[in-house]
Amino acid sequence: MNIRKEDNKDHKEVFKLIENAFQDEQYTDHKEQFLVERLRNSEAFVPELSLVAEIDDQIVGYVLLIKIKIIDSNSKETSSLALAPVAVLKKYQGMGIGGNLIRKAHEIARELNFGSIILLGHENYYPKFGYQMTKKYGIKLPFDVPDENCMLIELHDNALQNVHGTVEYPAEFYE
């Protein structure tokens, strides 16, 4: 398996991959592929954090980390990243591809000096990568979802020390 930065020529294949990966998921609007298209054209997009996994020259997985902010009650902003989404073709799921993409994304985000990543996801999947509930940090998402699905990871020790507030996603999340 090869993990590399997504290229413009990959967009159509990634669109289909995301559509395939989420087609049977219950807790989704099945529009993640359109969100990714919008985010690629946003100020929140970091090209180095849009990664594909290939097996035999076929794209089988994708992960995207985008810039977000955590804003406290005094309007103090702390930058962070959101994982949105990680996707693997159905026939390749369960083979560790998603995990490898997540670990590689963490590594690159650390190198780019980002301090944390926040996500909304399966409570039994992400803790094995070091994610913990945002509630523990006094950080919440801007929509009503169960606490156990709101998670974060610090990429550097104490990156979120004295940080609390509400996550602000880019406007493209709401279009």
Protein backbone atom coordinates (compact mmCIF):
# COMPACT_ATOMS: atom_id res chain seq x y z
CA MET A 1 0.00 0.00 0.00
CA ASN A 2 1.18 3.48 -0.89
CA ILE A 3 -0.10 6.63 0.87
CA ARG A 4 0.43 9.90 -0.94
CA LYS A 5 -0.91 13.43 -1.25
CA GLU A 6 -4.07 13.62 -3.32
CA ASP A 7 -3.61 15.09 -6.80
CA ASN A 8 -6.18 17.02 -8.89
CA LYS A 9 -6.43 14.05 -11.25
CA ASP A 10 -7.64 11.92 -8.30
CA HIS A 11 -10.79 13.96 -7.57
CA LYS A 12 -13.28 11.90 -9.60
CA GLU A 13 -11.98 8.62 -8.22
CA VAL A 14 -12.01 9.97 -4.65
CA PHE A 15 -15.60 11.21 -5.14
CA LYS A 16 -16.69 7.68 -6.12
CA LEU A 17 -14.67 6.12 -3.30
CA ILE A 18 -16.32 8.31 -0.65
CA GLU A 19 -19.76 7.60 -2.12
CA ASN A 20 -19.02 3.86 -1.99
CA ALA A 21 -17.59 3.93 1.53
CA PHE A 22 -20.59 5.70 3.07
CA GLN A 23 -23.44 4.18 1.03
CA ASP A 24 -24.55 1.76 3.77
CA GLU A 25 -23.77 3.96 6.77
CA GLN A 26 -26.79 4.74 8.91
CA TYR A 27 -25.71 8.00 10.58
CA THR A 28 -24.89 10.08 7.54
CA ASP A 29 -26.58 12.29 4.97
CA HIS A 30 -24.63 10.43 2.23
CA LYS A 31 -23.21 13.73 0.96
CA GLU A 32 -19.65 13.50 2.27
CA GLN A 33 -18.27 13.43 -1.28
CA PHE A 34 -19.87 16.82 -2.01
CA LEU A 35 -18.51 18.24 1.26
CA VAL A 36 -14.99 17.19 0.25
CA GLU A 37 -15.40 18.97 -3.10
CA ARG A 38 -16.45 22.18 -1.34
CA LEU A 39 -13.66 21.93 1.23
CA ARG A 40 -10.98 21.57 -1.46
CA ASN A 41 -11.91 25.09 -2.59
CA SER A 42 -12.01 26.60 0.89
CA GLU A 43 -9.45 28.50 2.94
CA ALA A 44 -9.60 25.60 5.42
CA PHE A 45 -8.04 23.20 2.90
CA VAL A 46 -4.45 22.08 3.50
CA PRO A 47 -3.29 20.16 0.38
CA GLU A 48 -0.69 18.16 2.35
CA LEU A 49 -3.50 16.79 4.56
CA SER A 50 -5.61 15.38 1.71
CA LEU A 51 -4.24 11.85 1.35
CA VAL A 52 -5.05 8.79 -0.72
CA ALA A 53 -4.09 5.16 -0.17
CA GLU A 54 -3.33 3.08 -3.25
CA ILE A 55 -3.07 -0.64 -3.81
CA ASP A 56 -1.90 -1.75 -7.26
CA ASP A 57 -2.35 1.82 -8.57
CA GLN A 58 -6.02 1.90 -7.48
CA ILE A 59 -7.15 4.46 -4.91
CA VAL A 60 -8.74 2.44 -2.10
CA GLY A 61 -8.75 4.96 0.76
CA TYR A 62 -8.89 8.67 1.51
CA VAL A 63 -8.50 10.97 4.50
CA LEU A 64 -8.90 14.72 4.79
CA LEU A 65 -7.91 17.04 7.63
CA ILE A 66 -9.08 20.65 7.40
CA LYS A 67 -8.42 23.76 9.49
CA ILE A 68 -10.99 24.67 12.13
CA LYS A 69 -11.08 26.93 15.18
CA ILE A 70 -12.05 26.44 18.81
CA ILE A 71 -13.60 29.64 20.15
CA ASP A 72 -14.11 30.27 23.85
CA SER A 73 -16.62 32.54 25.60
CA ASN A 74 -14.16 35.45 25.41
CA SER A 75 -13.84 35.01 21.61
CA LYS A 76 -10.29 33.65 21.98
CA GLU A 77 -9.51 31.44 18.98
CA THR A 78 -7.34 28.34 18.97
CA SER A 79 -6.55 26.67 15.67
CA SER A 80 -7.09 22.96 15.24
CA LEU A 81 -7.91 20.43 12.53
CA ALA A 82 -11.01 18.38 11.80
CA LEU A 83 -10.87 14.88 10.38
CA ALA A 84 -13.58 14.90 7.73
CA PRO A 85 -13.76 12.19 6.39
CA VAL A 86 -11.77 8.98 6.36
CA ALA A 87 -13.11 6.59 3.75
CA VAL A 88 -12.16 3.17 2.40
CA LEU A 89 -13.76 1.28 -0.48
CA LYS A 90 -16.20 -1.32 0.90
CA LYS A 91 -14.27 -4.31 -0.42
CA TYR A 92 -11.07 -3.06 1.27
CA GLN A 93 -12.56 -2.21 4.67
CA GLY A 94 -11.24 -4.08 7.69
CA MET A 95 -7.71 -4.33 6.27
CA GLY A 96 -6.15 -1.46 8.26
CA ILE A 97 -6.18 1.04 5.39
CA GLY A 98 -8.17 3.65 7.30
CA GLY A 99 -5.91 3.29 10.31
CA ASN A 100 -2.80 3.73 8.18
CA LEU A 101 -4.30 6.85 6.60
CA ILE A 102 -5.15 8.28 10.02
CA ARG A 103 -1.65 7.62 11.39
CA LYS A 104 -0.02 9.18 8.30
CA ALA A 105 -2.33 12.22 8.53
CA HIS A 106 -1.36 12.60 12.22
CA GLU A 107 2.34 12.44 11.29
CA ILE A 108 2.04 15.11 8.58
CA ALA A 109 -0.15 17.35 10.76
CA ARG A 110 2.50 17.18 13.52
CA GLU A 111 5.22 18.08 11.01
CA LEU A 112 3.10 21.06 9.90
CA ASN A 113 2.90 22.07 13.59
CA PHE A 114 -0.82 21.57 14.11
CA GLY A 115 -1.60 20.79 17.75
CA SER A 116 -4.84 18.83 17.66
CA ILE A 117 -7.51 17.09 15.61
CA ILE A 118 -11.23 16.98 16.36
CA LEU A 119 -13.73 14.60 14.83
CA LEU A 120 -17.25 13.30 14.92
CA GLY A 121 -17.11 9.54 14.54
CA HIS A 122 -17.63 6.00 15.76
CA GLU A 123 -16.94 5.80 19.50
CA ASN A 124 -15.41 2.31 19.24
CA TYR A 125 -13.03 3.05 16.34
CA TYR A 126 -11.12 6.26 17.03
CA PRO A 127 -9.99 5.71 20.66
CA LYS A 128 -7.50 3.09 19.44
CA PHE A 129 -5.64 5.96 17.72
CA GLY A 130 -5.53 8.01 20.92
CA TYR A 131 -8.77 9.99 20.54
CA GLN A 132 -10.66 11.00 23.68
CA MET A 133 -14.01 12.67 24.21
CA THR A 134 -13.95 16.43 23.64
CA LYS A 135 -16.13 16.80 26.74
CA LYS A 136 -13.08 15.92 28.87
CA TYR A 137 -11.41 19.08 27.53
CA GLY A 138 -14.40 21.40 27.77
CA ILE A 139 -14.68 21.51 23.99
CA LYS A 140 -17.98 20.97 22.21
CA LEU A 141 -19.18 20.71 18.65
CA PRO A 142 -21.67 23.26 17.28
CA PHE A 143 -24.43 20.70 16.73
CA ASP A 144 -26.34 18.28 18.91
CA VAL A 145 -24.61 14.90 18.82
CA PRO A 146 -23.85 12.29 21.49
CA ASP A 147 -20.77 13.09 23.62
CA GLU A 148 -19.20 9.70 22.90
CA ASN A 149 -19.00 10.54 19.18
CA CYS A 150 -17.20 13.88 19.70
CA MET A 151 -13.49 13.19 20.01
CA LEU A 152 -10.09 14.80 19.79
CA ILE A 153 -6.41 14.01 19.94
CA GLU A 154 -3.53 16.25 20.97
CA LEU A 155 -0.70 15.95 18.44
CA HIS A 156 1.73 17.70 20.80
CA ASP A 157 1.78 17.43 24.59
CA ASN A 158 -0.61 19.90 26.22
CA ALA A 159 -1.63 21.40 22.87
CA LEU A 160 -5.09 22.04 24.31
CA GLN A 161 -4.04 23.07 27.80
CA ASN A 162 -6.34 25.91 28.93
CA VAL A 163 -8.33 25.61 25.68
CA HIS A 164 -12.08 25.24 25.86
CA GLY A 165 -15.06 26.41 23.85
CA THR A 166 -16.99 25.51 20.73
CA VAL A 167 -15.62 24.25 17.44
CA GLU A 168 -16.17 26.52 14.46
CA TYR A 169 -16.21 24.70 11.14
CA PRO A 170 -15.70 26.42 7.79
CA ALA A 171 -18.87 27.73 6.12
CA GLU A 172 -18.56 24.97 3.49
CA PHE A 173 -19.74 22.46 6.14
CA TYR A 174 -23.17 24.07 6.17
CA GLU A 175 -23.83 24.55 2.45
